[in-house]
Every structure is written in structure tokens, then in C-alpha cells.
Amino acid sequence: MRTYEVDEEIAKEKFTSIGYTTLDSKNRVTLGNRIMEKAPLGHMEVDAFGILIGSEGDILLRPMANVPSRELWIYQNPNVLKSIQKGLQDAQEGKITEVRDVKEFLKKL
């Protein structure tokens, strides 16, 4: 296997060849399970790919996961996203407080 380095703003990571595929009669490319089983994709919840094309015709597929529209505001607000990420990190580190009376807790905030 060859490793390729893409030296552009869009992708600063190493690429590894995992094989070849051909176009079908409708000019489609099928990736199949072989790509979804490879690390790191095998550990991701991917339901779509963003498609980017370089000036020389190179194609980059960026794994994507759709977010329910009712949750989209979280990702559109960097402060909210940071706060949630910090809360998750704190919880993972055991920095939690048990709340017995939610109304009383909220009054103190």
C-alpha cells in the first residue's frame, strides 16, 4: 500500500490506498463494505459523504453524520457546543454534583 500526503488547506492528513474500483454503466462508484470496515470509519456512525474535488481532479470524500434539525442549533452556536463538551469532559472526570431538588438548584444558578 502506498501512503499519499495531500498538501492543501482542505486536507492535512495522510491517505492510504485501499484498492481500486471502476465506474458502472451509469458512471457511479461503489465503495462497498471494504471502506466502511477500515479504521477510522469502522468506528464512526457515517450516513453520508461530503464530496470535495481538487484543482487536478482529485476527489476527497469526507465522512458525515446527519444531525436532527432540532439539535442543529447546538452545532451552530460555538459557545453552546463548548459548554456541552466541557460538561461531558467534567462528567467523564467525575466532576459531578448530585441534584435532589431541581427547582432549588435552578434558583441558585
PDB file of N, CA and C in Angstrom:
ATOM      1  N   MET A   1       0.828  -1.184   0.000  1.00  0.00           N
ATOM      2  CA  MET A   1       0.000   0.000   0.000  1.00  0.00           C
ATOM      3  C   MET A   1       0.872   1.246   0.000  1.00  0.00           C
ATOM      4  N   ARG A   2       0.453   2.220  -0.744  1.00  0.00           N
ATOM      5  CA  ARG A   2       1.150   3.498  -0.781  1.00  0.00           C
ATOM      6  C   ARG A   2       0.423   4.494   0.105  1.00  0.00           C
ATOM      7  N   THR A   3       1.173   5.360   0.725  1.00  0.00           N
ATOM      8  CA  THR A   3       0.592   6.438   1.514  1.00  0.00           C
ATOM      9  C   THR A   3       0.827   7.742   0.767  1.00  0.00           C
ATOM     10  N   TYR A   4      -0.246   8.534   0.626  1.00  0.00           N
ATOM     11  CA  TYR A   4      -0.176   9.800  -0.085  1.00  0.00           C
ATOM     12  C   TYR A   4      -0.402  10.921   0.898  1.00  0.00           C
ATOM     13  N   GLU A   5       0.339  11.974   0.747  1.00  0.00           N
ATOM     14  CA  GLU A   5       0.149  13.149   1.583  1.00  0.00           C
ATOM     15  C   GLU A   5      -0.485  14.237   0.724  1.00  0.00           C
ATOM     16  N   VAL A   6      -1.600  14.759   1.166  1.00  0.00           N
ATOM     17  CA  VAL A   6      -2.277  15.835   0.456  1.00  0.00           C
ATOM     18  C   VAL A   6      -1.847  17.135   1.114  1.00  0.00           C
ATOM     19  N   ASP A   7      -1.213  18.006   0.346  1.00  0.00           N
ATOM     20  CA  ASP A   7      -0.651  19.224   0.887  1.00  0.00           C
ATOM     21  C   ASP A   7      -1.481  20.415   0.458  1.00  0.00           C
ATOM     22  N   GLU A   8      -2.715  20.453   0.915  1.00  0.00           N
ATOM     23  CA  GLU A   8      -3.600  21.566   0.614  1.00  0.00           C
ATOM     24  C   GLU A   8      -4.290  21.971   1.899  1.00  0.00           C
ATOM     25  N   GLU A   9      -4.870  23.158   1.908  1.00  0.00           N
ATOM     26  CA  GLU A   9      -5.578  23.635   3.090  1.00  0.00           C
ATOM     27  C   GLU A   9      -6.705  22.701   3.501  1.00  0.00           C
ATOM     28  N   ILE A  10      -7.338  22.101   2.536  1.00  0.00           N
ATOM     29  CA  ILE A  10      -8.535  21.316   2.795  1.00  0.00           C
ATOM     30  C   ILE A  10      -8.254  20.004   3.524  1.00  0.00           C
ATOM     31  N   ALA A  11      -7.090  19.427   3.301  1.00  0.00           N
ATOM     32  CA  ALA A  11      -6.797  18.133   3.899  1.00  0.00           C
ATOM     33  C   ALA A  11      -5.332  18.037   4.280  1.00  0.00           C
ATOM     34  N   LYS A  12      -5.062  18.082   5.551  1.00  0.00           N
ATOM     35  CA  LYS A  12      -3.689  17.942   6.028  1.00  0.00           C
ATOM     36  C   LYS A  12      -3.603  16.621   6.787  1.00  0.00           C
ATOM     37  N   GLU A  13      -3.672  15.557   6.044  1.00  0.00           N
ATOM     38  CA  GLU A  13      -3.586  14.229   6.632  1.00  0.00           C
ATOM     39  C   GLU A  13      -3.030  13.265   5.608  1.00  0.00           C
ATOM     40  N   LYS A  14      -2.643  12.085   6.064  1.00  0.00           N
ATOM     41  CA  LYS A  14      -2.096  11.083   5.153  1.00  0.00           C
ATOM     42  C   LYS A  14      -3.212  10.227   4.593  1.00  0.00           C
ATOM     43  N   PHE A  15      -3.063   9.835   3.360  1.00  0.00           N
ATOM     44  CA  PHE A  15      -4.027   8.965   2.695  1.00  0.00           C
ATOM     45  C   PHE A  15      -3.349   7.641   2.383  1.00  0.00           C
ATOM     46  N   THR A  16      -4.065   6.549   2.554  1.00  0.00           N
ATOM     47  CA  THR A  16      -3.564   5.222   2.270  1.00  0.00           C
ATOM     48  C   THR A  16      -4.429   4.591   1.201  1.00  0.00           C
ATOM     49  N   SER A  17      -3.820   4.032   0.182  1.00  0.00           N
ATOM     50  CA  SER A  17      -4.564   3.360  -0.874  1.00  0.00           C
ATOM     51  C   SER A  17      -5.135   2.050  -0.322  1.00  0.00           C
ATOM     52  N   ILE A  18      -6.427   1.816  -0.568  1.00  0.00           N
ATOM     53  CA  ILE A  18      -7.028   0.554  -0.122  1.00  0.00           C
ATOM     54  C   ILE A  18      -7.539  -0.265  -1.290  1.00  0.00           C
ATOM     55  N   GLY A  19      -7.241   0.157  -2.497  1.00  0.00           N
ATOM     56  CA  GLY A  19      -7.651  -0.610  -3.665  1.00  0.00           C
ATOM     57  C   GLY A  19      -8.202   0.281  -4.756  1.00  0.00           C
ATOM     58  N   TYR A  20      -8.830  -0.359  -5.722  1.00  0.00           N
ATOM     59  CA  TYR A  20      -9.387   0.349  -6.878  1.00  0.00           C
ATOM     60  C   TYR A  20     -10.820  -0.089  -7.105  1.00  0.00           C
ATOM     61  N   THR A  21     -11.559   0.754  -7.779  1.00  0.00           N
ATOM     62  CA  THR A  21     -12.906   0.411  -8.203  1.00  0.00           C
ATOM     63  C   THR A  21     -13.120   1.034  -9.578  1.00  0.00           C
ATOM     64  N   THR A  22     -14.116   0.567 -10.274  1.00  0.00           N
ATOM     65  CA  THR A  22     -14.394   1.090 -11.612  1.00  0.00           C
ATOM     66  C   THR A  22     -15.760   1.749 -11.631  1.00  0.00           C
ATOM     67  N   LEU A  23     -15.998   2.525 -12.660  1.00  0.00           N
ATOM     68  CA  LEU A  23     -17.305   3.148 -12.840  1.00  0.00           C
ATOM     69  C   LEU A  23     -18.268   2.106 -13.404  1.00  0.00           C
ATOM     70  N   ASP A  24     -19.511   2.151 -12.964  1.00  0.00           N
ATOM     71  CA  ASP A  24     -20.504   1.252 -13.563  1.00  0.00           C
ATOM     72  C   ASP A  24     -21.094   1.923 -14.797  1.00  0.00           C
ATOM     73  N   SER A  25     -22.100   1.319 -15.388  1.00  0.00           N
ATOM     74  CA  SER A  25     -22.668   1.833 -16.641  1.00  0.00           C
ATOM     75  C   SER A  25     -23.303   3.215 -16.489  1.00  0.00           C
ATOM     76  N   LYS A  26     -23.602   3.632 -15.256  1.00  0.00           N
ATOM     77  CA  LYS A  26     -24.187   4.956 -15.013  1.00  0.00           C
ATOM     78  C   LYS A  26     -23.165   5.916 -14.398  1.00  0.00           C
ATOM     79  N   ASN A  27     -21.887   5.601 -14.573  1.00  0.00           N
ATOM     80  CA  ASN A  27     -20.785   6.419 -14.053  1.00  0.00           C
ATOM     81  C   ASN A  27     -20.799   6.557 -12.535  1.00  0.00           C
ATOM     82  N   ARG A  28     -21.215   5.525 -11.840  1.00  0.00           N
ATOM     83  CA  ARG A  28     -21.221   5.534 -10.379  1.00  0.00           C
ATOM     84  C   ARG A  28     -20.030   4.745  -9.863  1.00  0.00           C
ATOM     85  N   VAL A  29     -19.581   5.134  -8.685  1.00  0.00           N
ATOM     86  CA  VAL A  29     -18.515   4.414  -7.992  1.00  0.00           C
ATOM     87  C   VAL A  29     -19.131   3.800  -6.744  1.00  0.00           C
ATOM     88  N   THR A  30     -18.927   2.519  -6.572  1.00  0.00           N
ATOM     89  CA  THR A  30     -19.423   1.835  -5.389  1.00  0.00           C
ATOM     90  C   THR A  30     -18.251   1.570  -4.451  1.00  0.00           C
ATOM     91  N   LEU A  31     -18.392   2.002  -3.217  1.00  0.00           N
ATOM     92  CA  LEU A  31     -17.311   1.816  -2.254  1.00  0.00           C
ATOM     93  C   LEU A  31     -17.424   0.470  -1.540  1.00  0.00           C
ATOM     94  N   GLY A  32     -18.643   0.051  -1.278  1.00  0.00           N
ATOM     95  CA  GLY A  32     -18.850  -1.235  -0.627  1.00  0.00           C
ATOM     96  C   GLY A  32     -18.401  -1.250   0.821  1.00  0.00           C
ATOM     97  N   ASN A  33     -18.485  -2.423   1.410  1.00  0.00           N
ATOM     98  CA  ASN A  33     -18.157  -2.577   2.828  1.00  0.00           C
ATOM     99  C   ASN A  33     -16.679  -2.426   3.124  1.00  0.00           C
ATOM    100  N   ARG A  34     -15.824  -2.665   2.137  1.00  0.00           N
ATOM    101  CA  ARG A  34     -14.394  -2.640   2.436  1.00  0.00           C
ATOM    102  C   ARG A  34     -13.938  -1.295   2.989  1.00  0.00           C
ATOM    103  N   ILE A  35     -14.527  -0.220   2.532  1.00  0.00           N
ATOM    104  CA  ILE A  35     -14.109   1.088   3.040  1.00  0.00           C
ATOM    105  C   ILE A  35     -14.733   1.372   4.408  1.00  0.00           C
ATOM    106  N   MET A  36     -15.947   0.921   4.628  1.00  0.00           N
ATOM    107  CA  MET A  36     -16.624   1.196   5.894  1.00  0.00           C
ATOM    108  C   MET A  36     -16.074   0.351   7.041  1.00  0.00           C
ATOM    109  N   GLU A  37     -15.349  -0.692   6.727  1.00  0.00           N
ATOM    110  CA  GLU A  37     -14.771  -1.550   7.760  1.00  0.00           C
ATOM    111  C   GLU A  37     -13.372  -1.102   8.156  1.00  0.00           C
ATOM    112  N   LYS A  38     -12.764  -0.226   7.374  1.00  0.00           N
ATOM    113  CA  LYS A  38     -11.409   0.245   7.655  1.00  0.00           C
ATOM    114  C   LYS A  38     -11.437   1.307   8.747  1.00  0.00           C
ATOM    115  N   ALA A  39     -10.369   1.333   9.541  1.00  0.00           N
ATOM    116  CA  ALA A  39     -10.221   2.383  10.538  1.00  0.00           C
ATOM    117  C   ALA A  39      -9.915   3.679   9.802  1.00  0.00           C
ATOM    118  N   PRO A  40     -10.395   4.801  10.208  1.00  0.00           N
ATOM    119  CA  PRO A  40     -11.232   5.028  11.374  1.00  0.00           C
ATOM    120  C   PRO A  40     -12.728   4.910  11.096  1.00  0.00           C
ATOM    121  N   LEU A  41     -13.131   4.700   9.831  1.00  0.00           N
ATOM    122  CA  LEU A  41     -14.558   4.677   9.506  1.00  0.00           C
ATOM    123  C   LEU A  41     -15.314   3.577  10.230  1.00  0.00           C
ATOM    124  N   GLY A  42     -14.658   2.470  10.515  1.00  0.00           N
ATOM    125  CA  GLY A  42     -15.321   1.363  11.182  1.00  0.00           C
ATOM    126  C   GLY A  42     -15.859   1.716  12.556  1.00  0.00           C
ATOM    127  N   HIS A  43     -15.341   2.809  13.128  1.00  0.00           N
ATOM    128  CA  HIS A  43     -15.764   3.226  14.473  1.00  0.00           C
ATOM    129  C   HIS A  43     -16.667   4.454  14.442  1.00  0.00           C
ATOM    130  N   MET A  44     -17.030   4.902  13.239  1.00  0.00           N
ATOM    131  CA  MET A  44     -17.853   6.108  13.109  1.00  0.00           C
ATOM    132  C   MET A  44     -19.273   5.749  12.689  1.00  0.00           C
ATOM    133  N   GLU A  45     -20.189   6.626  13.006  1.00  0.00           N
ATOM    134  CA  GLU A  45     -21.555   6.492  12.515  1.00  0.00           C
ATOM    135  C   GLU A  45     -21.687   7.397  11.297  1.00  0.00           C
ATOM    136  N   VAL A  46     -21.442   6.838  10.133  1.00  0.00           N
ATOM    137  CA  VAL A  46     -21.439   7.600   8.890  1.00  0.00           C
ATOM    138  C   VAL A  46     -22.710   7.295   8.113  1.00  0.00           C
ATOM    139  N   ASP A  47     -23.422   8.348   7.688  1.00  0.00           N
ATOM    140  CA  ASP A  47     -24.602   8.116   6.865  1.00  0.00           C
ATOM    141  C   ASP A  47     -24.577   8.923   5.573  1.00  0.00           C
ATOM    142  N   ALA A  48     -23.473   9.638   5.351  1.00  0.00           N
ATOM    143  CA  ALA A  48     -23.326  10.409   4.124  1.00  0.00           C
ATOM    144  C   ALA A  48     -21.851  10.761   3.941  1.00  0.00           C
ATOM    145  N   PHE A  49     -21.514  11.249   2.759  1.00  0.00           N
ATOM    146  CA  PHE A  49     -20.159  11.724   2.486  1.00  0.00           C
ATOM    147  C   PHE A  49     -20.242  13.083   1.818  1.00  0.00           C
ATOM    148  N   GLY A  50     -19.461  14.034   2.317  1.00  0.00           N
ATOM    149  CA  GLY A  50     -19.278  15.294   1.621  1.00  0.00           C
ATOM    150  C   GLY A  50     -18.276  15.039   0.511  1.00  0.00           C
ATOM    151  N   ILE A  51     -18.461  15.641  -0.625  1.00  0.00           N
ATOM    152  CA  ILE A  51     -17.596  15.414  -1.774  1.00  0.00           C
ATOM    153  C   ILE A  51     -16.842  16.695  -2.093  1.00  0.00           C
ATOM    154  N   LEU A  52     -15.515  16.614  -2.102  1.00  0.00           N
ATOM    155  CA  LEU A  52     -14.677  17.759  -2.446  1.00  0.00           C
ATOM    156  C   LEU A  52     -13.830  17.359  -3.642  1.00  0.00           C
ATOM    157  N   ILE A  53     -13.607  18.298  -4.540  1.00  0.00           N
ATOM    158  CA  ILE A  53     -12.799  17.998  -5.722  1.00  0.00           C
ATOM    159  C   ILE A  53     -11.683  19.035  -5.832  1.00  0.00           C
ATOM    160  N   GLY A  54     -10.480  18.545  -6.085  1.00  0.00           N
ATOM    161  CA  GLY A  54      -9.312  19.408  -6.185  1.00  0.00           C
ATOM    162  C   GLY A  54      -9.137  19.960  -7.587  1.00  0.00           C
ATOM    163  N   SER A  55      -8.228  20.890  -7.712  1.00  0.00           N
ATOM    164  CA  SER A  55      -7.997  21.548  -9.000  1.00  0.00           C
ATOM    165  C   SER A  55      -7.455  20.584 -10.053  1.00  0.00           C
ATOM    166  N   GLU A  56      -6.872  19.457  -9.629  1.00  0.00           N
ATOM    167  CA  GLU A  56      -6.359  18.467 -10.579  1.00  0.00           C
ATOM    168  C   GLU A  56      -7.283  17.261 -10.706  1.00  0.00           C
ATOM    169  N   GLY A  57      -8.471  17.358 -10.144  1.00  0.00           N
ATOM    170  CA  GLY A  57      -9.449  16.287 -10.276  1.00  0.00           C
ATOM    171  C   GLY A  57      -9.459  15.271  -9.153  1.00  0.00           C
ATOM    172  N   ASP A  58      -8.590  15.432  -8.165  1.00  0.00           N
ATOM    173  CA  ASP A  58      -8.624  14.518  -7.020  1.00  0.00           C
ATOM    174  C   ASP A  58      -9.932  14.694  -6.275  1.00  0.00           C
ATOM    175  N   ILE A  59     -10.487  13.586  -5.819  1.00  0.00           N
ATOM    176  CA  ILE A  59     -11.771  13.613  -5.111  1.00  0.00           C
ATOM    177  C   ILE A  59     -11.546  13.171  -3.675  1.00  0.00           C
ATOM    178  N   LEU A  60     -12.075  13.947  -2.753  1.00  0.00           N
ATOM    179  CA  LEU A  60     -11.979  13.626  -1.335  1.00  0.00           C
ATOM    180  C   LEU A  60     -13.390  13.422  -0.809  1.00  0.00           C
ATOM    181  N   LEU A  61     -13.628  12.288  -0.181  1.00  0.00           N
ATOM    182  CA  LEU A  61     -14.918  12.023   0.459  1.00  0.00           C
ATOM    183  C   LEU A  61     -14.752  12.255   1.952  1.00  0.00           C
ATOM    184  N   ARG A  62     -15.520  13.160   2.491  1.00  0.00           N
ATOM    185  CA  ARG A  62     -15.443  13.458   3.923  1.00  0.00           C
ATOM    186  C   ARG A  62     -16.629  12.791   4.611  1.00  0.00           C
ATOM    187  N   PRO A  63     -16.380  11.862   5.561  1.00  0.00           N
ATOM    188  CA  PRO A  63     -17.484  11.192   6.258  1.00  0.00           C
ATOM    189  C   PRO A  63     -18.350  12.204   7.008  1.00  0.00           C
ATOM    190  N   MET A  64     -19.655  12.007   6.937  1.00  0.00           N
ATOM    191  CA  MET A  64     -20.603  12.922   7.564  1.00  0.00           C
ATOM    192  C   MET A  64     -21.636  12.112   8.345  1.00  0.00           C
ATOM    193  N   ALA A  65     -22.220  12.747   9.308  1.00  0.00           N
ATOM    194  CA  ALA A  65     -23.345  12.168  10.037  1.00  0.00           C
ATOM    195  C   ALA A  65     -24.414  13.254  10.123  1.00  0.00           C
ATOM    196  N   ASN A  66     -25.598  12.930   9.733  1.00  0.00           N
ATOM    197  CA  ASN A  66     -26.692  13.901   9.788  1.00  0.00           C
ATOM    198  C   ASN A  66     -27.107  14.128  11.233  1.00  0.00           C
ATOM    199  N   VAL A  67     -27.485  15.362  11.510  1.00  0.00           N
ATOM    200  CA  VAL A  67     -27.921  15.757  12.840  1.00  0.00           C
ATOM    201  C   VAL A  67     -29.394  16.132  12.744  1.00  0.00           C
ATOM    202  N   PRO A  68     -30.217  15.644  13.675  1.00  0.00           N
ATOM    203  CA  PRO A  68     -31.625  16.049  13.647  1.00  0.00           C
ATOM    204  C   PRO A  68     -31.749  17.578  13.711  1.00  0.00           C
ATOM    205  N   SER A  69     -32.679  18.134  12.974  1.00  0.00           N
ATOM    206  CA  SER A  69     -32.800  19.592  12.884  1.00  0.00           C
ATOM    207  C   SER A  69     -33.036  20.235  14.250  1.00  0.00           C
ATOM    208  N   ARG A  70     -33.702  19.549  15.149  1.00  0.00           N
ATOM    209  CA  ARG A  70     -33.941  20.132  16.469  1.00  0.00           C
ATOM    210  C   ARG A  70     -32.655  20.250  17.295  1.00  0.00           C
ATOM    211  N   GLU A  71     -31.567  19.546  16.881  1.00  0.00           N
ATOM    212  CA  GLU A  71     -30.280  19.612  17.580  1.00  0.00           C
ATOM    213  C   GLU A  71     -29.257  20.466  16.839  1.00  0.00           C
ATOM    214  N   LEU A  72     -29.583  20.923  15.656  1.00  0.00           N
ATOM    215  CA  LEU A  72     -28.638  21.654  14.826  1.00  0.00           C
ATOM    216  C   LEU A  72     -28.154  22.939  15.481  1.00  0.00           C
ATOM    217  N   TRP A  73     -29.007  23.611  16.232  1.00  0.00           N
ATOM    218  CA  TRP A  73     -28.639  24.877  16.868  1.00  0.00           C
ATOM    219  C   TRP A  73     -27.419  24.726  17.772  1.00  0.00           C
ATOM    220  N   ILE A  74     -27.233  23.550  18.340  1.00  0.00           N
ATOM    221  CA  ILE A  74     -26.075  23.306  19.212  1.00  0.00           C
ATOM    222  C   ILE A  74     -24.782  23.463  18.413  1.00  0.00           C
ATOM    223  N   TYR A  75     -24.757  22.891  17.213  1.00  0.00           N
ATOM    224  CA  TYR A  75     -23.558  22.931  16.381  1.00  0.00           C
ATOM    225  C   TYR A  75     -23.369  24.280  15.698  1.00  0.00           C
ATOM    226  N   GLN A  76     -24.428  25.067  15.627  1.00  0.00           N
ATOM    227  CA  GLN A  76     -24.341  26.394  15.016  1.00  0.00           C
ATOM    228  C   GLN A  76     -23.914  27.452  16.026  1.00  0.00           C
ATOM    229  N   ASN A  77     -23.891  27.103  17.308  1.00  0.00           N
ATOM    230  CA  ASN A  77     -23.514  28.048  18.349  1.00  0.00           C
ATOM    231  C   ASN A  77     -22.257  27.530  19.054  1.00  0.00           C
ATOM    232  N   PRO A  78     -21.083  28.060  18.711  1.00  0.00           N
ATOM    233  CA  PRO A  78     -19.831  27.558  19.287  1.00  0.00           C
ATOM    234  C   PRO A  78     -19.789  27.601  20.813  1.00  0.00           C
ATOM    235  N   ASN A  79     -20.409  28.594  21.432  1.00  0.00           N
ATOM    236  CA  ASN A  79     -20.397  28.690  22.890  1.00  0.00           C
ATOM    237  C   ASN A  79     -21.191  27.549  23.527  1.00  0.00           C
ATOM    238  N   VAL A  80     -22.336  27.242  22.950  1.00  0.00           N
ATOM    239  CA  VAL A  80     -23.154  26.142  23.472  1.00  0.00           C
ATOM    240  C   VAL A  80     -22.412  24.816  23.301  1.00  0.00           C
ATOM    241  N   LEU A  81     -21.832  24.609  22.130  1.00  0.00           N
ATOM    242  CA  LEU A  81     -21.105  23.366  21.866  1.00  0.00           C
ATOM    243  C   LEU A  81     -19.931  23.208  22.831  1.00  0.00           C
ATOM    244  N   LYS A  82     -19.166  24.285  23.059  1.00  0.00           N
ATOM    245  CA  LYS A  82     -18.049  24.233  24.011  1.00  0.00           C
ATOM    246  C   LYS A  82     -18.539  23.893  25.412  1.00  0.00           C
ATOM    247  N   SER A  83     -19.655  24.486  25.808  1.00  0.00           N
ATOM    248  CA  SER A  83     -20.208  24.250  27.133  1.00  0.00           C
ATOM    249  C   SER A  83     -20.614  22.784  27.299  1.00  0.00           C
ATOM    250  N   ILE A  84     -21.248  22.231  26.281  1.00  0.00           N
ATOM    251  CA  ILE A  84     -21.652  20.820  26.338  1.00  0.00           C
ATOM    252  C   ILE A  84     -20.422  19.922  26.378  1.00  0.00           C
ATOM    253  N   GLN A  85     -19.430  20.228  25.542  1.00  0.00           N
ATOM    254  CA  GLN A  85     -18.206  19.426  25.533  1.00  0.00           C
ATOM    255  C   GLN A  85     -17.502  19.489  26.881  1.00  0.00           C
ATOM    256  N   LYS A  86     -17.464  20.675  27.501  1.00  0.00           N
ATOM    257  CA  LYS A  86     -16.848  20.809  28.822  1.00  0.00           C
ATOM    258  C   LYS A  86     -17.631  20.011  29.857  1.00  0.00           C
ATOM    259  N   GLY A  87     -18.953  20.063  29.786  1.00  0.00           N
ATOM    260  CA  GLY A  87     -19.774  19.296  30.718  1.00  0.00           C
ATOM    261  C   GLY A  87     -19.540  17.795  30.576  1.00  0.00           C
ATOM    262  N   LEU A  88     -19.423  17.333  29.351  1.00  0.00           N
ATOM    263  CA  LEU A  88     -19.150  15.911  29.124  1.00  0.00           C
ATOM    264  C   LEU A  88     -17.773  15.525  29.654  1.00  0.00           C
ATOM    265  N   GLN A  89     -16.782  16.402  29.449  1.00  0.00           N
ATOM    266  CA  GLN A  89     -15.434  16.150  29.954  1.00  0.00           C
ATOM    267  C   GLN A  89     -15.438  16.113  31.479  1.00  0.00           C
ATOM    268  N   ASP A  90     -16.128  17.076  32.092  1.00  0.00           N
ATOM    269  CA  ASP A  90     -16.229  17.106  33.551  1.00  0.00           C
ATOM    270  C   ASP A  90     -16.877  15.829  34.080  1.00  0.00           C
ATOM    271  N   ALA A  91     -17.942  15.396  33.446  1.00  0.00           N
ATOM    272  CA  ALA A  91     -18.629  14.180  33.876  1.00  0.00           C
ATOM    273  C   ALA A  91     -17.710  12.967  33.751  1.00  0.00           C
ATOM    274  N   GLN A  92     -16.940  12.930  32.667  1.00  0.00           N
ATOM    275  CA  GLN A  92     -16.018  11.816  32.454  1.00  0.00           C
ATOM    276  C   GLN A  92     -14.937  11.792  33.537  1.00  0.00           C
ATOM    277  N   GLU A  93     -14.565  12.972  34.022  1.00  0.00           N
ATOM    278  CA  GLU A  93     -13.544  13.081  35.059  1.00  0.00           C
ATOM    279  C   GLU A  93     -14.144  12.954  36.459  1.00  0.00           C
ATOM    280  N   GLY A  94     -15.436  12.733  36.555  1.00  0.00           N
ATOM    281  CA  GLY A  94     -16.088  12.561  37.850  1.00  0.00           C
ATOM    282  C   GLY A  94     -16.431  13.862  38.549  1.00  0.00           C
ATOM    283  N   LYS A  95     -16.323  14.973  37.851  1.00  0.00           N
ATOM    284  CA  LYS A  95     -16.652  16.286  38.433  1.00  0.00           C
ATOM    285  C   LYS A  95     -18.151  16.521  38.299  1.00  0.00           C
ATOM    286  N   ILE A  96     -18.925  15.872  39.137  1.00  0.00           N
ATOM    287  CA  ILE A  96     -20.377  15.972  39.052  1.00  0.00           C
ATOM    288  C   ILE A  96     -20.958  16.285  40.419  1.00  0.00           C
ATOM    289  N   THR A  97     -22.163  16.811  40.426  1.00  0.00           N
ATOM    290  CA  THR A  97     -22.892  17.094  41.656  1.00  0.00           C
ATOM    291  C   THR A  97     -24.276  16.485  41.527  1.00  0.00           C
ATOM    292  N   GLU A  98     -24.665  15.731  42.523  1.00  0.00           N
ATOM    293  CA  GLU A  98     -25.998  15.134  42.510  1.00  0.00           C
ATOM    294  C   GLU A  98     -27.021  16.191  42.925  1.00  0.00           C
ATOM    295  N   VAL A  99     -28.064  16.326  42.147  1.00  0.00           N
ATOM    296  CA  VAL A  99     -29.108  17.310  42.423  1.00  0.00           C
ATOM    297  C   VAL A  99     -30.362  16.573  42.849  1.00  0.00           C
ATOM    298  N   ARG A 100     -30.827  16.875  44.049  1.00  0.00           N
ATOM    299  CA  ARG A 100     -32.034  16.212  44.550  1.00  0.00           C
ATOM    300  C   ARG A 100     -33.288  17.042  44.268  1.00  0.00           C
ATOM    301  N   ASP A 101     -33.148  18.357  44.297  1.00  0.00           N
ATOM    302  CA  ASP A 101     -34.283  19.252  44.046  1.00  0.00           C
ATOM    303  C   ASP A 101     -33.923  20.170  42.879  1.00  0.00           C
ATOM    304  N   VAL A 102     -34.442  19.880  41.716  1.00  0.00           N
ATOM    305  CA  VAL A 102     -34.086  20.609  40.503  1.00  0.00           C
ATOM    306  C   VAL A 102     -34.510  22.073  40.591  1.00  0.00           C
ATOM    307  N   LYS A 103     -35.712  22.338  41.115  1.00  0.00           N
ATOM    308  CA  LYS A 103     -36.184  23.721  41.220  1.00  0.00           C
ATOM    309  C   LYS A 103     -35.258  24.558  42.101  1.00  0.00           C
ATOM    310  N   GLU A 104     -34.848  23.990  43.209  1.00  0.00           N
ATOM    311  CA  GLU A 104     -33.937  24.699  44.119  1.00  0.00           C
ATOM    312  C   GLU A 104     -32.566  24.907  43.468  1.00  0.00           C
ATOM    313  N   PHE A 105     -32.092  23.912  42.766  1.00  0.00           N
ATOM    314  CA  PHE A 105     -30.816  24.011  42.057  1.00  0.00           C
ATOM    315  C   PHE A 105     -30.852  25.120  41.014  1.00  0.00           C
ATOM    316  N   LEU A 106     -31.931  25.184  40.249  1.00  0.00           N
ATOM    317  CA  LEU A 106     -32.050  26.197  39.199  1.00  0.00           C
ATOM    318  C   LEU A 106     -32.145  27.602  39.782  1.00  0.00           C
ATOM    319  N   LYS A 107     -32.760  27.749  40.952  1.00  0.00           N
ATOM    320  CA  LYS A 107     -32.844  29.056  41.602  1.00  0.00           C
ATOM    321  C   LYS A 107     -31.445  29.584  41.944  1.00  0.00           C
ATOM    322  N   LYS A 108     -30.548  28.659  42.317  1.00  0.00           N
ATOM    323  CA  LYS A 108     -29.197  29.040  42.719  1.00  0.00           C
ATOM    324  C   LYS A 108     -28.332  29.440  41.537  1.00  0.00           C
ATOM    325  N   LEU A 109     -28.739  29.039  40.340  1.00  0.00           N
ATOM    326  CA  LEU A 109     -27.948  29.415  39.164  1.00  0.00           C
ATOM    327  C   LEU A 109     -28.192  30.839  38.866  1.00  0.00           C
TER     328      LEU A 109
END
